[in-house]
Structure formats: structure tokens, C-alpha cells
N, C-alpha and C. Protein backbone atom coordinates (compact mmCIF):
# COMPACT_ATOMS: atom_id res chain seq x y z
N MET A 1 106.42 77.20 109.56
CA MET A 1 105.92 78.28 108.70
C MET A 1 106.93 78.44 107.42
N THR A 2 107.28 77.30 106.96
CA THR A 2 108.24 77.45 105.85
C THR A 2 107.41 77.56 104.54
N HIS A 3 106.15 77.51 104.63
CA HIS A 3 105.31 77.69 103.40
C HIS A 3 105.13 79.22 103.11
N LEU A 4 105.65 80.00 104.04
CA LEU A 4 105.63 81.63 103.80
C LEU A 4 106.48 81.94 102.70
N PRO A 5 106.03 82.92 101.92
CA PRO A 5 106.80 83.39 100.81
C PRO A 5 108.13 83.98 101.46
N LYS A 6 109.24 83.97 100.82
CA LYS A 6 110.51 84.39 101.39
C LYS A 6 110.53 85.73 102.04
N GLU A 7 109.83 86.62 101.30
CA GLU A 7 109.81 88.00 101.89
C GLU A 7 109.01 88.18 103.31
N TRP A 8 108.29 87.16 103.74
CA TRP A 8 107.64 87.12 104.79
C TRP A 8 107.98 86.20 105.91
N ARG A 9 109.05 85.43 105.76
CA ARG A 9 109.57 84.39 106.58
C ARG A 9 109.93 84.94 107.99
N PHE A 10 110.10 86.15 108.17
CA PHE A 10 110.35 86.80 109.46
C PHE A 10 109.22 86.80 110.47
N LEU A 11 107.94 86.46 109.91
CA LEU A 11 106.70 86.56 110.75
C LEU A 11 106.87 85.88 112.03
N PRO A 12 107.36 84.51 111.99
CA PRO A 12 107.39 83.81 113.34
C PRO A 12 108.25 84.61 114.36
N ASP A 13 109.38 85.17 113.86
CA ASP A 13 110.10 85.96 114.81
C ASP A 13 109.50 87.34 115.17
N ALA A 14 108.73 87.82 114.29
CA ALA A 14 107.98 89.00 114.60
C ALA A 14 106.82 88.76 115.53
N TRP A 15 106.21 87.61 115.58
CA TRP A 15 105.25 87.20 116.56
C TRP A 15 106.04 87.03 117.99
N SER A 16 107.14 86.39 118.03
CA SER A 16 107.83 86.25 119.23
C SER A 16 108.24 87.67 119.85
N TYR A 17 108.63 88.49 119.00
CA TYR A 17 108.88 89.93 119.36
C TYR A 17 107.71 90.57 119.95
N ALA A 18 106.63 90.32 119.32
CA ALA A 18 105.29 90.93 119.76
C ALA A 18 104.89 90.35 121.19
N VAL A 19 105.21 88.97 121.31
CA VAL A 19 104.86 88.37 122.65
C VAL A 19 105.59 89.12 123.82
N ILE A 20 106.93 89.39 123.44
CA ILE A 20 107.77 89.99 124.50
C ILE A 20 107.15 91.49 124.60
N LEU A 21 106.78 92.16 123.70
CA LEU A 21 106.28 93.46 123.78
C LEU A 21 104.93 93.51 124.56
N THR A 22 103.96 92.58 124.33
CA THR A 22 102.68 92.78 124.72
C THR A 22 102.51 91.70 126.06
N GLY A 23 103.26 90.81 126.14
CA GLY A 23 103.03 89.83 127.34
C GLY A 23 101.92 88.81 127.18
N SER A 24 101.24 88.92 125.96
CA SER A 24 100.19 88.04 125.73
C SER A 24 100.20 87.44 124.31
N PRO A 25 100.10 86.03 124.25
CA PRO A 25 100.22 85.43 122.94
C PRO A 25 98.96 85.92 122.05
N GLN A 26 97.77 86.10 122.61
CA GLN A 26 96.69 86.55 121.86
C GLN A 26 96.89 87.99 121.42
N ALA A 27 97.32 88.96 122.33
CA ALA A 27 97.56 90.28 121.79
C ALA A 27 98.75 90.34 120.92
N ALA A 28 99.66 89.50 120.87
CA ALA A 28 100.67 89.44 119.98
C ALA A 28 100.13 88.91 118.52
N THR A 29 99.25 88.05 118.59
CA THR A 29 98.68 87.61 117.34
C THR A 29 97.79 88.79 116.73
N ASP A 30 97.11 89.48 117.63
CA ASP A 30 96.34 90.64 117.02
C ASP A 30 97.26 91.73 116.48
N LEU A 31 98.28 91.98 117.23
CA LEU A 31 99.24 93.06 116.80
C LEU A 31 99.86 92.82 115.55
N VAL A 32 100.36 91.44 115.38
CA VAL A 32 101.08 91.11 114.14
C VAL A 32 100.09 91.06 112.98
N THR A 33 98.78 90.56 113.21
CA THR A 33 97.74 90.65 112.22
C THR A 33 97.56 92.07 111.76
N ASN A 34 97.31 92.85 112.64
CA ASN A 34 97.01 94.29 112.34
C ASN A 34 98.26 94.90 111.53
N THR A 35 99.29 94.69 111.96
CA THR A 35 100.64 95.17 111.40
C THR A 35 100.77 94.62 110.02
N LEU A 36 100.64 93.36 109.83
CA LEU A 36 100.62 92.63 108.63
C LEU A 36 99.57 93.22 107.60
N ASN A 37 98.46 93.47 108.02
CA ASN A 37 97.33 94.03 107.18
C ASN A 37 97.65 95.42 106.65
N GLY A 38 98.30 96.21 107.66
CA GLY A 38 98.78 97.54 107.27
C GLY A 38 99.87 97.60 106.31
N VAL A 39 100.95 96.85 106.63
CA VAL A 39 102.18 96.77 105.84
C VAL A 39 102.01 96.11 104.44
N ALA A 40 101.19 95.04 104.44
CA ALA A 40 100.97 94.41 103.14
C ALA A 40 100.36 95.18 102.10
N THR A 41 99.51 96.20 102.51
CA THR A 41 98.75 96.95 101.54
C THR A 41 99.43 98.35 101.16
N ARG A 42 100.68 98.40 101.78
CA ARG A 42 101.35 99.80 101.44
C ARG A 42 102.13 99.46 100.16
N HIS A 43 102.00 100.50 99.20
CA HIS A 43 102.76 100.44 97.91
C HIS A 43 104.13 101.16 97.97
N ASP A 44 104.34 101.88 98.96
CA ASP A 44 105.46 102.66 99.03
C ASP A 44 106.69 101.99 99.59
N ILE A 45 106.53 100.67 100.05
CA ILE A 45 107.54 99.90 100.58
C ILE A 45 108.21 99.11 99.51
N LEU A 46 109.54 99.47 99.25
CA LEU A 46 110.18 98.72 98.13
C LEU A 46 111.33 97.92 98.82
N GLY A 47 111.28 96.69 98.68
CA GLY A 47 112.29 95.73 99.02
C GLY A 47 112.03 95.00 100.31
N ASN A 48 112.53 93.78 100.47
CA ASN A 48 112.23 93.00 101.60
C ASN A 48 112.78 93.58 102.92
N LYS A 49 113.95 94.20 102.86
CA LYS A 49 114.67 94.76 104.00
C LYS A 49 113.83 95.92 104.55
N HIS A 50 113.42 96.70 103.73
CA HIS A 50 112.56 97.91 104.06
C HIS A 50 111.35 97.40 104.59
N ARG A 51 110.65 96.43 104.09
CA ARG A 51 109.47 95.96 104.56
C ARG A 51 109.58 95.43 105.90
N ARG A 52 110.65 94.59 106.21
CA ARG A 52 110.88 94.05 107.58
C ARG A 52 111.01 95.08 108.48
N ARG A 53 111.87 96.16 108.13
CA ARG A 53 112.05 97.27 109.15
C ARG A 53 110.90 98.00 109.47
N VAL A 54 110.02 98.35 108.47
CA VAL A 54 108.73 98.86 108.62
C VAL A 54 107.86 98.06 109.49
N PHE A 55 107.80 96.89 109.23
CA PHE A 55 107.01 95.92 110.18
C PHE A 55 107.45 95.95 111.57
N PHE A 56 108.62 95.71 111.85
CA PHE A 56 109.16 95.81 113.23
C PHE A 56 109.02 97.27 113.99
N ALA A 57 109.13 98.23 113.13
CA ALA A 57 109.04 99.63 113.68
C ALA A 57 107.53 99.91 114.05
N THR A 58 106.64 99.23 113.31
CA THR A 58 105.19 99.35 113.43
C THR A 58 104.87 98.62 114.70
N LEU A 59 105.38 97.34 114.83
CA LEU A 59 105.09 96.64 116.03
C LEU A 59 105.53 97.34 117.33
N PHE A 60 106.65 97.95 117.21
CA PHE A 60 107.34 98.72 118.39
C PHE A 60 106.33 99.94 118.68
N ARG A 61 106.02 100.68 117.74
CA ARG A 61 105.10 101.80 117.94
C ARG A 61 103.77 101.50 118.38
N ASP A 62 103.09 100.49 117.86
CA ASP A 62 101.77 100.12 118.28
C ASP A 62 101.72 99.38 119.56
N ALA A 63 102.69 98.56 119.87
CA ALA A 63 102.66 97.81 121.13
C ALA A 63 102.97 98.84 122.28
N ASN A 64 103.65 99.79 122.15
CA ASN A 64 103.97 100.67 123.22
C ASN A 64 102.78 101.74 123.43
N LYS A 65 101.73 101.62 122.73
CA LYS A 65 100.57 102.35 122.94
C LYS A 65 99.51 101.77 123.83
N SER A 66 99.88 100.51 124.10
CA SER A 66 98.98 99.58 124.86
C SER A 66 99.68 99.20 126.27
N PRO A 67 98.82 98.85 127.21
CA PRO A 67 99.37 98.45 128.45
C PRO A 67 99.96 97.11 128.37
N ARG A 68 101.05 96.74 129.14
CA ARG A 68 101.55 95.49 129.17
C ARG A 68 100.63 94.55 129.81
N LEU A 69 100.42 93.26 129.26
CA LEU A 69 99.51 92.39 129.74
C LEU A 69 99.85 91.10 130.55
N ALA A 70 101.16 90.92 130.52
CA ALA A 70 101.63 89.68 131.24
C ALA A 70 101.39 89.67 132.79
N LEU A 71 100.96 88.64 133.13
CA LEU A 71 100.65 88.46 134.59
C LEU A 71 101.61 87.37 135.12
N PRO A 72 101.89 87.51 136.36
CA PRO A 72 103.00 86.52 136.88
C PRO A 72 102.41 85.01 136.78
N GLU A 73 101.08 84.80 136.74
CA GLU A 73 100.63 83.53 136.52
C GLU A 73 100.36 83.15 135.09
N SER A 74 100.97 83.75 134.12
CA SER A 74 100.76 83.53 132.72
C SER A 74 101.44 82.30 132.38
N ASP A 75 101.13 81.81 131.15
CA ASP A 75 101.76 80.56 130.78
C ASP A 75 103.10 80.91 129.89
N LEU A 76 103.48 82.10 129.92
CA LEU A 76 104.73 82.34 129.25
C LEU A 76 105.91 81.99 130.08
N SER A 77 106.98 81.60 129.37
CA SER A 77 108.27 81.17 130.00
C SER A 77 108.83 82.31 130.84
N GLU A 78 109.43 81.93 131.84
CA GLU A 78 110.12 82.92 132.70
C GLU A 78 111.10 83.78 131.85
N ASP A 79 111.86 83.22 130.86
CA ASP A 79 112.63 84.12 130.08
C ASP A 79 111.94 85.18 129.28
N ILE A 80 110.74 84.99 128.75
CA ILE A 80 109.88 85.79 128.04
C ILE A 80 109.30 86.81 129.00
N LEU A 81 108.80 86.39 130.19
CA LEU A 81 108.37 87.46 131.21
C LEU A 81 109.43 88.40 131.63
N GLU A 82 110.64 87.81 131.82
CA GLU A 82 111.85 88.70 132.14
C GLU A 82 112.06 89.79 131.09
N LEU A 83 112.06 89.38 129.79
CA LEU A 83 112.24 90.40 128.69
C LEU A 83 110.96 91.33 128.73
N HIS A 84 109.91 90.80 128.84
CA HIS A 84 108.65 91.59 128.90
C HIS A 84 108.74 92.78 129.88
N ARG A 85 109.27 92.38 131.11
CA ARG A 85 109.35 93.41 132.18
C ARG A 85 110.31 94.51 132.00
N LEU A 86 111.30 94.27 131.02
CA LEU A 86 112.23 95.38 130.81
C LEU A 86 111.74 96.58 130.45
N SER A 87 112.30 97.79 130.72
CA SER A 87 111.81 99.05 130.13
C SER A 87 112.27 99.26 128.65
N GLU A 88 111.63 100.07 128.06
CA GLU A 88 111.91 100.55 126.67
C GLU A 88 112.89 101.69 126.81
N PRO A 89 113.92 101.90 125.80
CA PRO A 89 114.06 101.16 124.61
C PRO A 89 114.92 99.96 124.74
N GLY A 90 115.34 99.54 126.06
CA GLY A 90 116.27 98.44 126.25
C GLY A 90 115.67 97.10 125.83
N ARG A 91 114.43 96.90 126.14
CA ARG A 91 113.68 95.78 125.87
C ARG A 91 113.77 95.44 124.29
N SER A 92 113.32 96.43 123.53
CA SER A 92 113.20 96.28 122.12
C SER A 92 114.69 96.19 121.47
N THR A 93 115.56 97.03 122.01
CA THR A 93 116.93 97.01 121.47
C THR A 93 117.53 95.62 121.59
N LEU A 94 117.41 95.02 122.92
CA LEU A 94 118.01 93.76 123.12
C LEU A 94 117.33 92.62 122.33
N ALA A 95 116.04 92.70 122.25
CA ALA A 95 115.30 91.72 121.43
C ALA A 95 115.67 91.76 119.90
N LEU A 96 115.62 92.90 119.35
CA LEU A 96 115.93 93.11 117.99
C LEU A 96 117.39 92.81 117.65
N PHE A 97 118.36 93.13 118.62
CA PHE A 97 119.77 92.86 118.40
C PHE A 97 119.92 91.26 118.43
N HIS A 98 119.24 90.62 119.18
CA HIS A 98 119.45 89.16 119.19
C HIS A 98 118.70 88.42 118.06
N LEU A 99 117.75 89.07 117.60
CA LEU A 99 116.95 88.54 116.36
C LEU A 99 117.89 88.46 115.19
N GLY A 100 118.85 89.33 115.13
CA GLY A 100 119.91 89.64 114.17
C GLY A 100 119.37 89.95 112.75
N PHE A 101 118.30 90.66 112.62
CA PHE A 101 117.66 90.94 111.26
C PHE A 101 118.20 92.38 110.87
N PHE A 102 118.65 93.17 111.94
CA PHE A 102 118.94 94.55 111.64
C PHE A 102 120.34 94.93 112.09
N PRO A 103 121.08 95.78 111.43
CA PRO A 103 122.27 96.26 111.92
C PRO A 103 121.87 97.36 112.89
N ILE A 104 122.73 97.68 113.78
CA ILE A 104 122.51 98.53 114.93
C ILE A 104 121.97 99.93 114.67
N ASP A 105 122.40 100.42 113.42
CA ASP A 105 121.86 101.68 113.05
C ASP A 105 120.30 101.70 112.72
N GLU A 106 119.90 100.48 112.12
CA GLU A 106 118.39 100.39 111.95
C GLU A 106 117.64 100.11 113.19
N ILE A 107 118.20 99.30 114.15
CA ILE A 107 117.58 99.20 115.45
C ILE A 107 117.40 100.50 116.15
N ALA A 108 118.44 101.34 116.03
CA ALA A 108 118.41 102.76 116.62
C ALA A 108 117.18 103.44 116.07
N ASP A 109 117.03 103.35 114.68
CA ASP A 109 115.96 104.02 114.04
C ASP A 109 114.65 103.51 114.56
N ILE A 110 114.48 102.29 114.69
CA ILE A 110 113.23 101.57 115.07
C ILE A 110 112.88 102.01 116.47
N VAL A 111 113.86 102.06 117.43
CA VAL A 111 113.47 102.44 118.71
C VAL A 111 113.57 103.90 119.10
N GLY A 112 114.01 104.68 118.08
CA GLY A 112 113.90 106.08 118.17
C GLY A 112 115.08 106.76 118.96
N LYS A 113 116.28 106.07 118.81
CA LYS A 113 117.43 106.62 119.53
C LYS A 113 118.59 106.71 118.57
N SER A 114 119.76 107.38 119.04
CA SER A 114 120.79 107.56 118.08
C SER A 114 121.66 106.17 118.16
N GLU A 115 122.43 106.04 117.06
CA GLU A 115 123.21 104.80 116.98
C GLU A 115 124.36 104.86 118.08
N LYS A 116 124.74 106.02 118.50
CA LYS A 116 125.79 106.21 119.54
C LYS A 116 125.18 105.75 120.87
N GLU A 117 123.99 105.79 121.13
CA GLU A 117 123.33 105.32 122.38
C GLU A 117 123.16 103.83 122.52
N MET A 118 123.28 103.19 121.38
CA MET A 118 122.92 101.76 121.43
C MET A 118 123.83 100.99 122.26
N PRO A 119 125.15 100.95 122.34
CA PRO A 119 126.00 100.23 123.16
C PRO A 119 125.65 100.48 124.74
N ASP A 120 125.35 101.60 125.10
CA ASP A 120 125.11 101.86 126.46
C ASP A 120 123.70 101.31 126.83
N ILE A 121 122.65 101.43 125.83
CA ILE A 121 121.38 100.81 126.16
C ILE A 121 121.47 99.28 126.25
N LEU A 122 122.26 98.61 125.42
CA LEU A 122 122.41 97.18 125.54
C LEU A 122 123.13 96.78 126.65
N VAL A 123 124.21 97.56 127.15
CA VAL A 123 124.87 97.09 128.35
C VAL A 123 123.98 97.32 129.56
N ALA A 124 123.15 98.44 129.69
CA ALA A 124 122.35 98.65 130.78
C ALA A 124 121.21 97.68 130.80
N THR A 125 120.72 97.24 129.71
CA THR A 125 119.67 96.17 129.69
C THR A 125 120.12 94.89 130.05
N ARG A 126 121.35 94.56 129.56
CA ARG A 126 121.78 93.24 129.90
C ARG A 126 122.32 93.10 131.46
N THR A 127 122.75 94.33 132.01
CA THR A 127 123.01 94.38 133.36
C THR A 127 121.84 94.15 134.17
N SER A 128 120.77 94.83 133.74
CA SER A 128 119.40 94.76 134.50
C SER A 128 118.92 93.29 134.49
N LEU A 129 119.12 92.66 133.35
CA LEU A 129 118.64 91.18 133.30
C LEU A 129 119.45 90.40 134.24
N THR A 130 120.81 90.51 134.21
CA THR A 130 121.58 89.71 135.07
C THR A 130 121.58 90.02 136.53
N SER A 131 121.10 91.27 136.94
CA SER A 131 121.12 91.60 138.26
C SER A 131 119.70 91.37 138.96
N THR A 132 118.74 91.11 138.09
CA THR A 132 117.34 90.77 138.45
C THR A 132 117.28 89.43 139.10
N PRO A 133 116.81 89.18 140.30
CA PRO A 133 116.73 87.86 140.88
C PRO A 133 115.54 87.16 140.22
N ARG A 134 115.78 85.95 140.02
CA ARG A 134 114.78 85.00 139.50
C ARG A 134 113.71 84.61 140.62
N PRO A 135 112.44 84.57 140.38
CA PRO A 135 111.42 84.11 141.36
C PRO A 135 111.66 82.74 141.73
């Protein structure tokens, strides 16, 4: 997707994040498409960093309005399924932290938590991942 304009080159990562949230490649595509249509037409968003933050915050908000769709027999990798099964806000905090797009204060804003809570959320989520037996 290198043909994307510079300000939209985060879209492949946004889609990966949406797969983690929804548990379904098709639902992720629908979610990213709807979010893209909404964010691209907003004239109050100034700057690429702000656009990216609004985009990911919208993905977070809208994905959490829908049920999780991943089934054990889905074609998703086990790593994605493990992330998908995590509870919020840990799931999004960990995914956004590892994408590296946002400083921790912006991740806190996206997931609706205080910056002071972020270290504990990350530790608890990582602990949950390492203590969960793989099938």
C-alpha cells in the first residue's frame, strides 16, 4: 500500500488493529471503510497526527459497540486470536502501544483511561498473555 498518500499510510496497521478488535477480516474491512469515510470528510481535523488519533479512537469506539466475531476455527493466526480474546482496555492499549504511532498519553485518551493507569494496564495485559495456555 505504498501508493497511499503519506497522511494515510497508517491504514494497513489500522486494518490489523481492526482485525484484533473485531476478530474478522471482513468486519475489519467494513469498520475501517466506515471510519475512513467518516474521518476523511471531517473538516475540523487538522494535521496528520490528529487525523490518525481520531481514526484509531473511532475504530476503538465503534468496534466495542459490536460483538466479537472470532471463532476458534477461524483462519486468523493464533497470535491474533489471543489478542482478540483479551479484555479492554488492555487489548487496545497493548496493540496501540506496539504499533508505536502514539505516545502513552494519547493511547490513554483513545482507550478512555488516565495516563497513570497505562503501566498497570500494560503489565496486567502482558501477564494475561503469558499466563494463558496455548491450545
